[in-house]
C-alpha cells in the first residue's frame, strides 16, 4: 500500500523526462502533483507542456496543478508556493529536478551558459528548498529529493566539464548541508541513475539516437523515487541513492523492462 495518496508533491521541471516520470509514478499512487516548469507552449524540438503533463497526471490517478515557473526567479517560486498552499493546503514533498547541462571545457563554455547552469541547478535547488521548507516542516513525513550525483572529488569528473560538475555538485551539497541542518525533521536525499536515461537531453545534447538505444527509460527513476519518498523521513536523510540499488533493496532485481538492450550494453551515466 502506498502512503503517498493525498500527499502534495512540488516537482521542478516535471513537464518531461525524469521529472515527468517521477510525477506520473507518484500521481498513479494518488498524490497531488505540482508541475513547476517553464514550458507553457509547445516547443518545436521538445514534447509536452505543463498542461499536457497535467492531463497525464490526472489520467494516472492524481490531481495536478500546472504552474509556469522559472526556478531562477525568486518571485516566481514564491508565487508558485502560494498557489500550491491555496489549492492543496500544504507541501509534503519537494523534488528538485530542473537542471541545465552543457558538457564543455573552460574555454568552450560561454559565461552565459555557466550562469544558466548555476542559476538553475544550484541556486534553483536552494531557492525551491528554501521556499518549500516552511511548509515541509509542517508535514508528517516531509522529503526533499534532489536529482543529483554522489559527491566525488575525483578530478576525472571535473576535467572535461568543470562548469557543469560544479553546478550539479551544488545540488548535491544542498543535500549534504540540509540533511544535517534539518536532521530528524526533513528527509533530504539525492537520486542519480546508474545508466544514461532516454530523455530529450540525451537525444539532443549528449549523443543522439545511438546513446538513446543504450539507455534505460525514465521510469526507473520514477520507480526509485517512489520507494525513497515512502521511507521514514526522520531516519532516511543525507543519502546519495542510485536508482537500481534502491530498487534492488526493495526486492526488484529484473531491470529488463527499463531497457531494450542487455545490461552489459547500457551506457554508464556521468559521475559513476
C-alpha atoms as a PDB file:
ATOM      1  CA  UNK A   1       0.000   0.000   0.000  1.00  0.00           C
ATOM      2  CA  UNK A   2       1.266   3.451  -0.907  1.00  0.00           C
ATOM      3  CA  UNK A   3       1.454   6.168   1.716  1.00  0.00           C
ATOM      4  CA  UNK A   4       1.604   8.852  -0.976  1.00  0.00           C
ATOM      5  CA  UNK A   5      -2.150   9.159  -1.522  1.00  0.00           C
ATOM      6  CA  UNK A   6      -3.192  12.759  -0.909  1.00  0.00           C
ATOM      7  CA  UNK A   7       0.400  13.939  -0.475  1.00  0.00           C
ATOM      8  CA  UNK A   8       1.320  17.158  -2.280  1.00  0.00           C
ATOM      9  CA  UNK A   9       4.494  16.984  -4.351  1.00  0.00           C
ATOM     10  CA  UNK A  10       6.206  20.052  -5.823  1.00  0.00           C
ATOM     11  CA  UNK A  11       8.368  18.928  -8.772  1.00  0.00           C
ATOM     12  CA  UNK A  12      10.519  21.354 -10.745  1.00  0.00           C
ATOM     13  CA  UNK A  13      10.936  20.512 -14.417  1.00  0.00           C
ATOM     14  CA  UNK A  14       8.097  17.985 -14.376  1.00  0.00           C
ATOM     15  CA  UNK A  15       6.789  18.570 -17.899  1.00  0.00           C
ATOM     16  CA  UNK A  16       9.094  15.966 -19.469  1.00  0.00           C
ATOM     17  CA  UNK A  17      11.907  13.494 -18.895  1.00  0.00           C
ATOM     18  CA  UNK A  18      12.859  12.264 -15.448  1.00  0.00           C
ATOM     19  CA  UNK A  19      10.728  14.844 -13.665  1.00  0.00           C
ATOM     20  CA  UNK A  20       7.643  13.767 -15.563  1.00  0.00           C
ATOM     21  CA  UNK A  21       8.372  10.072 -14.957  1.00  0.00           C
ATOM     22  CA  UNK A  22       8.585  10.702 -11.220  1.00  0.00           C
ATOM     23  CA  UNK A  23       5.415  12.792 -11.319  1.00  0.00           C
ATOM     24  CA  UNK A  24       3.471  10.115 -13.194  1.00  0.00           C
ATOM     25  CA  UNK A  25       4.557   7.405 -10.753  1.00  0.00           C
ATOM     26  CA  UNK A  26       3.506   9.455  -7.745  1.00  0.00           C
ATOM     27  CA  UNK A  27       0.257  10.541  -9.433  1.00  0.00           C
ATOM     28  CA  UNK A  28      -0.593   6.877 -10.021  1.00  0.00           C
ATOM     29  CA  UNK A  29      -0.329   6.431  -6.255  1.00  0.00           C
ATOM     30  CA  UNK A  30      -2.824   9.215  -5.632  1.00  0.00           C
ATOM     31  CA  UNK A  31      -0.508  12.160  -4.983  1.00  0.00           C
ATOM     32  CA  UNK A  32      -1.229  15.789  -5.814  1.00  0.00           C
ATOM     33  CA  UNK A  33       1.382  16.875  -8.363  1.00  0.00           C
ATOM     34  CA  UNK A  34       2.596  20.439  -8.780  1.00  0.00           C
ATOM     35  CA  UNK A  35       4.144  20.690 -12.242  1.00  0.00           C
ATOM     36  CA  UNK A  36       6.535  23.619 -11.841  1.00  0.00           C
ATOM     37  CA  UNK A  37       8.195  24.163 -15.214  1.00  0.00           C
ATOM     38  CA  UNK A  38       8.688  26.753 -17.949  1.00  0.00           C
ATOM     39  CA  UNK A  39       7.025  25.085 -20.916  1.00  0.00           C
ATOM     40  CA  UNK A  40       3.557  26.570 -21.281  1.00  0.00           C
ATOM     41  CA  UNK A  41       3.564  26.500 -25.099  1.00  0.00           C
ATOM     42  CA  UNK A  42       4.542  23.612 -27.401  1.00  0.00           C
ATOM     43  CA  UNK A  43       8.258  23.525 -28.224  1.00  0.00           C
ATOM     44  CA  UNK A  44       9.410  22.704 -31.771  1.00  0.00           C
ATOM     45  CA  UNK A  45      12.003  20.180 -30.565  1.00  0.00           C
ATOM     46  CA  UNK A  46      10.647  19.016 -27.217  1.00  0.00           C
ATOM     47  CA  UNK A  47       7.457  17.144 -26.453  1.00  0.00           C
ATOM     48  CA  UNK A  48       4.923  18.249 -23.884  1.00  0.00           C
ATOM     49  CA  UNK A  49       3.880  21.286 -21.890  1.00  0.00           C
ATOM     50  CA  UNK A  50       2.921  21.711 -18.251  1.00  0.00           C
ATOM     51  CA  UNK A  51      -0.713  21.426 -19.323  1.00  0.00           C
ATOM     52  CA  UNK A  52      -0.373  18.217 -21.353  1.00  0.00           C
ATOM     53  CA  UNK A  53       1.663  16.781 -18.473  1.00  0.00           C
ATOM     54  CA  UNK A  54      -1.114  17.754 -16.057  1.00  0.00           C
ATOM     55  CA  UNK A  55      -3.636  15.850 -18.184  1.00  0.00           C
ATOM     56  CA  UNK A  56      -1.425  12.759 -17.971  1.00  0.00           C
ATOM     57  CA  UNK A  57      -1.024  13.091 -14.187  1.00  0.00           C
ATOM     58  CA  UNK A  58      -4.769  13.231 -13.707  1.00  0.00           C
ATOM     59  CA  UNK A  59      -5.345  10.341 -16.079  1.00  0.00           C
ATOM     60  CA  UNK A  60      -2.847   8.362 -13.988  1.00  0.00           C
ATOM     61  CA  UNK A  61      -4.932   8.932 -10.863  1.00  0.00           C
ATOM     62  CA  UNK A  62      -3.602  12.052  -9.172  1.00  0.00           C
ATOM     63  CA  UNK A  63      -4.561  15.687  -9.019  1.00  0.00           C
ATOM     64  CA  UNK A  64      -2.370  18.131 -10.947  1.00  0.00           C
ATOM     65  CA  UNK A  65      -1.575  21.812 -10.675  1.00  0.00           C
ATOM     66  CA  UNK A  66       0.468  23.150 -13.610  1.00  0.00           C
ATOM     67  CA  UNK A  67       2.310  26.397 -12.823  1.00  0.00           C
ATOM     68  CA  UNK A  68       4.685  28.303 -15.077  1.00  0.00           C
ATOM     69  CA  UNK A  69       7.879  28.547 -13.018  1.00  0.00           C
ATOM     70  CA  UNK A  70      11.422  29.518 -13.933  1.00  0.00           C
ATOM     71  CA  UNK A  71      13.417  28.462 -10.868  1.00  0.00           C
ATOM     72  CA  UNK A  72      15.938  31.239 -11.460  1.00  0.00           C
ATOM     73  CA  UNK A  73      13.471  33.849 -10.200  1.00  0.00           C
ATOM     74  CA  UNK A  74      12.588  34.113  -6.522  1.00  0.00           C
ATOM     75  CA  UNK A  75       9.288  35.904  -7.081  1.00  0.00           C
ATOM     76  CA  UNK A  76       8.051  33.156  -9.413  1.00  0.00           C
ATOM     77  CA  UNK A  77       8.903  30.391  -6.955  1.00  0.00           C
ATOM     78  CA  UNK A  78       7.280  32.297  -4.098  1.00  0.00           C
ATOM     79  CA  UNK A  79       4.120  32.846  -6.139  1.00  0.00           C
ATOM     80  CA  UNK A  80       4.031  29.178  -7.098  1.00  0.00           C
ATOM     81  CA  UNK A  81       4.304  28.065  -3.484  1.00  0.00           C
ATOM     82  CA  UNK A  82       1.438  30.407  -2.561  1.00  0.00           C
ATOM     83  CA  UNK A  83      -0.736  28.851  -5.290  1.00  0.00           C
ATOM     84  CA  UNK A  84       0.084  25.377  -4.008  1.00  0.00           C
ATOM     85  CA  UNK A  85      -0.902  26.257  -0.451  1.00  0.00           C
ATOM     86  CA  UNK A  86      -4.110  27.866  -1.690  1.00  0.00           C
ATOM     87  CA  UNK A  87      -5.012  24.766  -3.733  1.00  0.00           C
ATOM     88  CA  UNK A  88      -3.793  21.890  -1.584  1.00  0.00           C
ATOM     89  CA  UNK A  89      -3.174  23.408   1.849  1.00  0.00           C
ATOM     90  CA  UNK A  90       0.437  22.266   2.253  1.00  0.00           C
ATOM     91  CA  UNK A  91       3.545  20.697   0.714  1.00  0.00           C
ATOM     92  CA  UNK A  92       4.762  17.245   1.719  1.00  0.00           C
ATOM     93  CA  UNK A  93       7.491  16.543  -0.848  1.00  0.00           C
ATOM     94  CA  UNK A  94       9.840  18.626  -2.978  1.00  0.00           C
ATOM     95  CA  UNK A  95      11.644  17.095  -5.949  1.00  0.00           C
ATOM     96  CA  UNK A  96      14.394  19.346  -7.298  1.00  0.00           C
ATOM     97  CA  UNK A  97      14.674  18.013 -10.819  1.00  0.00           C
ATOM     98  CA  UNK A  98      15.070  21.118 -13.020  1.00  0.00           C
ATOM     99  CA  UNK A  99      18.557  21.235 -14.494  1.00  0.00           C
ATOM    100  CA  UNK A 100      20.639  22.796 -17.255  1.00  0.00           C
ATOM    101  CA  UNK A 101      23.549  20.986 -18.880  1.00  0.00           C
ATOM    102  CA  UNK A 102      26.493  21.696 -21.152  1.00  0.00           C
ATOM    103  CA  UNK A 103      29.424  19.287 -21.171  1.00  0.00           C
ATOM    104  CA  UNK A 104      32.150  21.612 -22.405  1.00  0.00           C
ATOM    105  CA  UNK A 105      35.547  22.670 -21.181  1.00  0.00           C
ATOM    106  CA  UNK A 106      36.515  26.002 -19.694  1.00  0.00           C
ATOM    107  CA  UNK A 107      37.419  27.685 -22.984  1.00  0.00           C
ATOM    108  CA  UNK A 108      34.299  26.381 -24.713  1.00  0.00           C
ATOM    109  CA  UNK A 109      31.748  27.396 -22.062  1.00  0.00           C
ATOM    110  CA  UNK A 110      30.298  30.896 -22.532  1.00  0.00           C
ATOM    111  CA  UNK A 111      29.665  32.697 -19.254  1.00  0.00           C
ATOM    112  CA  UNK A 112      26.009  32.974 -20.200  1.00  0.00           C
ATOM    113  CA  UNK A 113      25.817  29.187 -20.155  1.00  0.00           C
ATOM    114  CA  UNK A 114      27.885  28.968 -16.961  1.00  0.00           C
ATOM    115  CA  UNK A 115      25.440  31.332 -15.301  1.00  0.00           C
ATOM    116  CA  UNK A 116      22.415  29.385 -16.542  1.00  0.00           C
ATOM    117  CA  UNK A 117      23.697  26.085 -15.149  1.00  0.00           C
ATOM    118  CA  UNK A 118      24.479  27.576 -11.763  1.00  0.00           C
ATOM    119  CA  UNK A 119      21.251  29.567 -11.575  1.00  0.00           C
ATOM    120  CA  UNK A 120      19.037  26.614 -12.483  1.00  0.00           C
ATOM    121  CA  UNK A 121      20.929  23.750 -10.841  1.00  0.00           C
ATOM    122  CA  UNK A 122      22.484  25.057  -7.641  1.00  0.00           C
ATOM    123  CA  UNK A 123      20.573  28.276  -6.999  1.00  0.00           C
ATOM    124  CA  UNK A 124      17.241  26.879  -8.219  1.00  0.00           C
ATOM    125  CA  UNK A 125      17.543  23.891  -5.914  1.00  0.00           C
ATOM    126  CA  UNK A 126      18.457  26.079  -2.953  1.00  0.00           C
ATOM    127  CA  UNK A 127      15.669  28.540  -3.752  1.00  0.00           C
ATOM    128  CA  UNK A 128      12.904  25.950  -4.130  1.00  0.00           C
ATOM    129  CA  UNK A 129      14.069  24.231  -0.956  1.00  0.00           C
ATOM    130  CA  UNK A 130      14.103  27.483   0.989  1.00  0.00           C
ATOM    131  CA  UNK A 131      10.584  28.457  -0.086  1.00  0.00           C
ATOM    132  CA  UNK A 132       9.079  24.992   0.434  1.00  0.00           C
ATOM    133  CA  UNK A 133      10.754  24.185   3.750  1.00  0.00           C
ATOM    134  CA  UNK A 134       8.409  26.214   5.994  1.00  0.00           C
ATOM    135  CA  UNK A 135       5.560  24.073   4.672  1.00  0.00           C
ATOM    136  CA  UNK A 136       7.535  20.821   4.595  1.00  0.00           C
ATOM    137  CA  UNK A 137       8.289  21.259   8.282  1.00  0.00           C
ATOM    138  CA  UNK A 138       4.544  21.084   8.966  1.00  0.00           C
ATOM    139  CA  UNK A 139       4.159  17.783   7.101  1.00  0.00           C
ATOM    140  CA  UNK A 140       4.035  14.377   8.805  1.00  0.00           C
ATOM    141  CA  UNK A 141       6.741  12.788   6.640  1.00  0.00           C
ATOM    142  CA  UNK A 142       8.451  15.533   4.597  1.00  0.00           C
ATOM    143  CA  UNK A 143      11.042  14.803   1.944  1.00  0.00           C
ATOM    144  CA  UNK A 144      13.319  16.746  -0.380  1.00  0.00           C
ATOM    145  CA  UNK A 145      14.756  14.703  -3.235  1.00  0.00           C
ATOM    146  CA  UNK A 146      17.395  16.253  -5.498  1.00  0.00           C
ATOM    147  CA  UNK A 147      18.171  14.651  -8.852  1.00  0.00           C
ATOM    148  CA  UNK A 148      21.909  14.999  -8.460  1.00  0.00           C
ATOM    149  CA  UNK A 149      25.001  12.778  -8.275  1.00  0.00           C
ATOM    150  CA  UNK A 150      27.037  11.442  -5.356  1.00  0.00           C
ATOM    151  CA  UNK A 151      29.750  13.857  -4.301  1.00  0.00           C
ATOM    152  CA  UNK A 152      33.090  12.603  -5.564  1.00  0.00           C
ATOM    153  CA  UNK A 153      36.121  14.876  -5.692  1.00  0.00           C
ATOM    154  CA  UNK A 154      37.982  12.730  -8.212  1.00  0.00           C
ATOM    155  CA  UNK A 155      39.471  15.079 -10.805  1.00  0.00           C
ATOM    156  CA  UNK A 156      38.134  12.976 -13.694  1.00  0.00           C
ATOM    157  CA  UNK A 157      34.622  14.293 -13.005  1.00  0.00           C
ATOM    158  CA  UNK A 158      35.837  17.880 -13.318  1.00  0.00           C
ATOM    159  CA  UNK A 159      38.404  17.932 -16.108  1.00  0.00           C
ATOM    160  CA  UNK A 160      36.071  17.668 -19.094  1.00  0.00           C
ATOM    161  CA  UNK A 161      33.230  19.892 -17.912  1.00  0.00           C
ATOM    162  CA  UNK A 162      34.142  21.741 -14.743  1.00  0.00           C
ATOM    163  CA  UNK A 163      31.260  24.239 -15.012  1.00  0.00           C
ATOM    164  CA  UNK A 164      28.582  21.547 -15.222  1.00  0.00           C
ATOM    165  CA  UNK A 165      30.145  19.450 -12.475  1.00  0.00           C
ATOM    166  CA  UNK A 166      30.259  22.451 -10.151  1.00  0.00           C
ATOM    167  CA  UNK A 167      26.602  23.199 -10.849  1.00  0.00           C
ATOM    168  CA  UNK A 168      25.401  19.610 -10.278  1.00  0.00           C
ATOM    169  CA  UNK A 169      27.580  19.147  -7.230  1.00  0.00           C
ATOM    170  CA  UNK A 170      25.992  22.316  -5.871  1.00  0.00           C
ATOM    171  CA  UNK A 171      22.696  20.426  -5.822  1.00  0.00           C
ATOM    172  CA  UNK A 172      24.373  17.545  -4.012  1.00  0.00           C
ATOM    173  CA  UNK A 173      25.954  19.897  -1.491  1.00  0.00           C
ATOM    174  CA  UNK A 174      22.438  21.121  -0.710  1.00  0.00           C
ATOM    175  CA  UNK A 175      21.644  17.516   0.240  1.00  0.00           C
ATOM    176  CA  UNK A 176      24.696  17.271   2.455  1.00  0.00           C
ATOM    177  CA  UNK A 177      24.039  20.563   4.229  1.00  0.00           C
ATOM    178  CA  UNK A 178      20.263  20.497   4.541  1.00  0.00           C
ATOM    179  CA  UNK A 179      20.197  16.889   5.697  1.00  0.00           C
ATOM    180  CA  UNK A 180      22.353  17.954   8.629  1.00  0.00           C
ATOM    181  CA  UNK A 181      20.518  21.232   9.204  1.00  0.00           C
ATOM    182  CA  UNK A 182      17.082  19.577   9.298  1.00  0.00           C
ATOM    183  CA  UNK A 183      18.142  16.232  10.781  1.00  0.00           C
ATOM    184  CA  UNK A 184      15.182  14.359  12.234  1.00  0.00           C
ATOM    185  CA  UNK A 185      12.735  16.817  10.682  1.00  0.00           C
ATOM    186  CA  UNK A 186      13.010  16.533   6.881  1.00  0.00           C
ATOM    187  CA  UNK A 187      14.459  13.715   4.827  1.00  0.00           C
ATOM    188  CA  UNK A 188      16.874  15.271   2.319  1.00  0.00           C
ATOM    189  CA  UNK A 189      18.365  12.894  -0.236  1.00  0.00           C
ATOM    190  CA  UNK A 190      19.720  12.658  -3.774  1.00  0.00           C
ATOM    191  CA  UNK A 191      18.865  10.200  -6.536  1.00  0.00           C
ATOM    192  CA  UNK A 192      21.021   9.509  -9.597  1.00  0.00           C
ATOM    193  CA  UNK A 193      20.794   6.949 -12.424  1.00  0.00           C
ATOM    194  CA  UNK A 194      23.248   4.108 -12.897  1.00  0.00           C
ATOM    195  CA  UNK A 195      22.988   4.434 -16.675  1.00  0.00           C
ATOM    196  CA  UNK A 196      22.167   7.139 -19.167  1.00  0.00           C
ATOM    197  CA  UNK A 197      18.431   7.825 -19.257  1.00  0.00           C
ATOM    198  CA  UNK A 198      16.491   8.172 -22.506  1.00  0.00           C
ATOM    199  CA  UNK A 199      15.451  11.825 -22.329  1.00  0.00           C
ATOM    200  CA  UNK A 200      15.419  14.803 -24.671  1.00  0.00           C
ATOM    201  CA  UNK A 201      18.722  15.978 -23.175  1.00  0.00           C
ATOM    202  CA  UNK A 202      20.384  12.712 -24.174  1.00  0.00           C
ATOM    203  CA  UNK A 203      18.883  12.784 -27.643  1.00  0.00           C
ATOM    204  CA  UNK A 204      19.525  16.449 -28.431  1.00  0.00           C
ATOM    205  CA  UNK A 205      22.698  17.231 -26.499  1.00  0.00           C
ATOM    206  CA  UNK A 206      24.579  14.126 -25.429  1.00  0.00           C
ATOM    207  CA  UNK A 207      24.831  11.613 -28.224  1.00  0.00           C
ATOM    208  CA  UNK A 208      21.573  11.324 -30.106  1.00  0.00           C
ATOM    209  CA  UNK A 209      19.844   8.090 -31.070  1.00  0.00           C
ATOM    210  CA  UNK A 210      22.922   5.923 -30.503  1.00  0.00           C
ATOM    211  CA  UNK A 211      23.050   6.781 -26.796  1.00  0.00           C
ATOM    212  CA  UNK A 212      19.246   6.631 -26.518  1.00  0.00           C
ATOM    213  CA  UNK A 213      19.329   2.995 -27.668  1.00  0.00           C
ATOM    214  CA  UNK A 214      21.722   2.103 -24.863  1.00  0.00           C
ATOM    215  CA  UNK A 215      19.870   3.953 -22.106  1.00  0.00           C
ATOM    216  CA  UNK A 216      17.224   2.977 -19.603  1.00  0.00           C
ATOM    217  CA  UNK A 217      13.804   4.600 -19.664  1.00  0.00           C
ATOM    218  CA  UNK A 218      12.987   7.423 -17.223  1.00  0.00           C
ATOM    219  CA  UNK A 219      10.511   5.123 -15.492  1.00  0.00           C
ATOM    220  CA  UNK A 220      13.318   3.536 -13.471  1.00  0.00           C
ATOM    221  CA  UNK A 221      13.918   6.898 -11.817  1.00  0.00           C
ATOM    222  CA  UNK A 222      10.206   7.278 -11.160  1.00  0.00           C
ATOM    223  CA  UNK A 223      10.013   3.869  -9.526  1.00  0.00           C
ATOM    224  CA  UNK A 224      13.115   4.505  -7.416  1.00  0.00           C
ATOM    225  CA  UNK A 225      11.871   7.922  -6.312  1.00  0.00           C
ATOM    226  CA  UNK A 226       8.561   6.431  -5.186  1.00  0.00           C
ATOM    227  CA  UNK A 227      10.418   3.944  -2.974  1.00  0.00           C
ATOM    228  CA  UNK A 228      12.547   6.657  -1.362  1.00  0.00           C
ATOM    229  CA  UNK A 229       9.672   9.066  -0.780  1.00  0.00           C
ATOM    230  CA  UNK A 230       7.691   6.472   1.168  1.00  0.00           C
ATOM    231  CA  UNK A 231      10.506   5.887   3.642  1.00  0.00           C
ATOM    232  CA  UNK A 232      10.560   7.415   7.110  1.00  0.00           C
ATOM    233  CA  UNK A 233      11.956  10.909   6.578  1.00  0.00           C
ATOM    234  CA  UNK A 234      13.436  11.227  10.055  1.00  0.00           C
ATOM    235  CA  UNK A 235      15.679   8.203   9.568  1.00  0.00           C
ATOM    236  CA  UNK A 236      16.243   8.435   5.800  1.00  0.00           C
ATOM    237  CA  UNK A 237      18.338  11.503   5.096  1.00  0.00           C
ATOM    238  CA  UNK A 238      21.715  12.516   3.717  1.00  0.00           C
ATOM    239  CA  UNK A 239      21.834   9.614   1.256  1.00  0.00           C
ATOM    240  CA  UNK A 240      23.054   9.630  -2.338  1.00  0.00           C
ATOM    241  CA  UNK A 241      20.884   6.921  -3.814  1.00  0.00           C
ATOM    242  CA  UNK A 242      21.439   5.135  -7.152  1.00  0.00           C
ATOM    243  CA  UNK A 243      18.254   4.081  -8.945  1.00  0.00           C
ATOM    244  CA  UNK A 244      18.873   0.356  -9.412  1.00  0.00           C
ATOM    245  CA  UNK A 245      20.343  -0.017  -5.918  1.00  0.00           C
ATOM    246  CA  UNK A 246      17.155   1.451  -4.447  1.00  0.00           C
ATOM    247  CA  UNK A 247      15.012  -0.976  -6.414  1.00  0.00           C
ATOM    248  CA  UNK A 248      17.244  -3.965  -5.624  1.00  0.00           C
ATOM    249  CA  UNK A 249      16.934  -3.210  -1.912  1.00  0.00           C
ATOM    250  CA  UNK A 250      13.154  -3.104  -2.404  1.00  0.00           C
ATOM    251  CA  UNK A 251      13.224  -6.586  -3.937  1.00  0.00           C
ATOM    252  CA  UNK A 252      13.172  -5.622  -7.620  1.00  0.00           C
ATOM    253  CA  UNK A 253      16.029  -7.294  -9.469  1.00  0.00           C
ATOM    254  CA  UNK A 254      14.771  -7.607 -13.044  1.00  0.00           C
ATOM    255  CA  UNK A 255      15.531  -4.337 -14.811  1.00  0.00           C
ATOM    256  CA  UNK A 256      14.928  -5.591 -18.342  1.00  0.00           C
ATOM    257  CA  UNK A 257      11.680  -3.644 -18.674  1.00  0.00           C
ATOM    258  CA  UNK A 258      13.627  -0.387 -18.446  1.00  0.00           C
ATOM    259  CA  UNK A 259      15.893  -1.026 -21.449  1.00  0.00           C
ATOM    260  CA  UNK A 260      15.767  -2.563 -24.910  1.00  0.00           C
ATOM    261  CA  UNK A 261      19.338  -3.876 -24.754  1.00  0.00           C
ATOM    262  CA  UNK A 262      21.094  -6.278 -22.335  1.00  0.00           C
ATOM    263  CA  UNK A 263      22.533  -4.862 -19.132  1.00  0.00           C
ATOM    264  CA  UNK A 264      26.127  -5.119 -20.352  1.00  0.00           C
ATOM    265  CA  UNK A 265      25.321  -2.900 -23.339  1.00  0.00           C
ATOM    266  CA  UNK A 266      23.976   0.007 -21.309  1.00  0.00           C
ATOM    267  CA  UNK A 267      25.999   3.209 -21.157  1.00  0.00           C
ATOM    268  CA  UNK A 268      27.009   4.328 -17.659  1.00  0.00           C
ATOM    269  CA  UNK A 269      25.864   7.772 -16.611  1.00  0.00           C
ATOM    270  CA  UNK A 270      28.248  10.573 -15.685  1.00  0.00           C
ATOM    271  CA  UNK A 271      29.677  10.691 -12.145  1.00  0.00           C
ATOM    272  CA  UNK A 272      29.504   6.906 -11.560  1.00  0.00           C
END
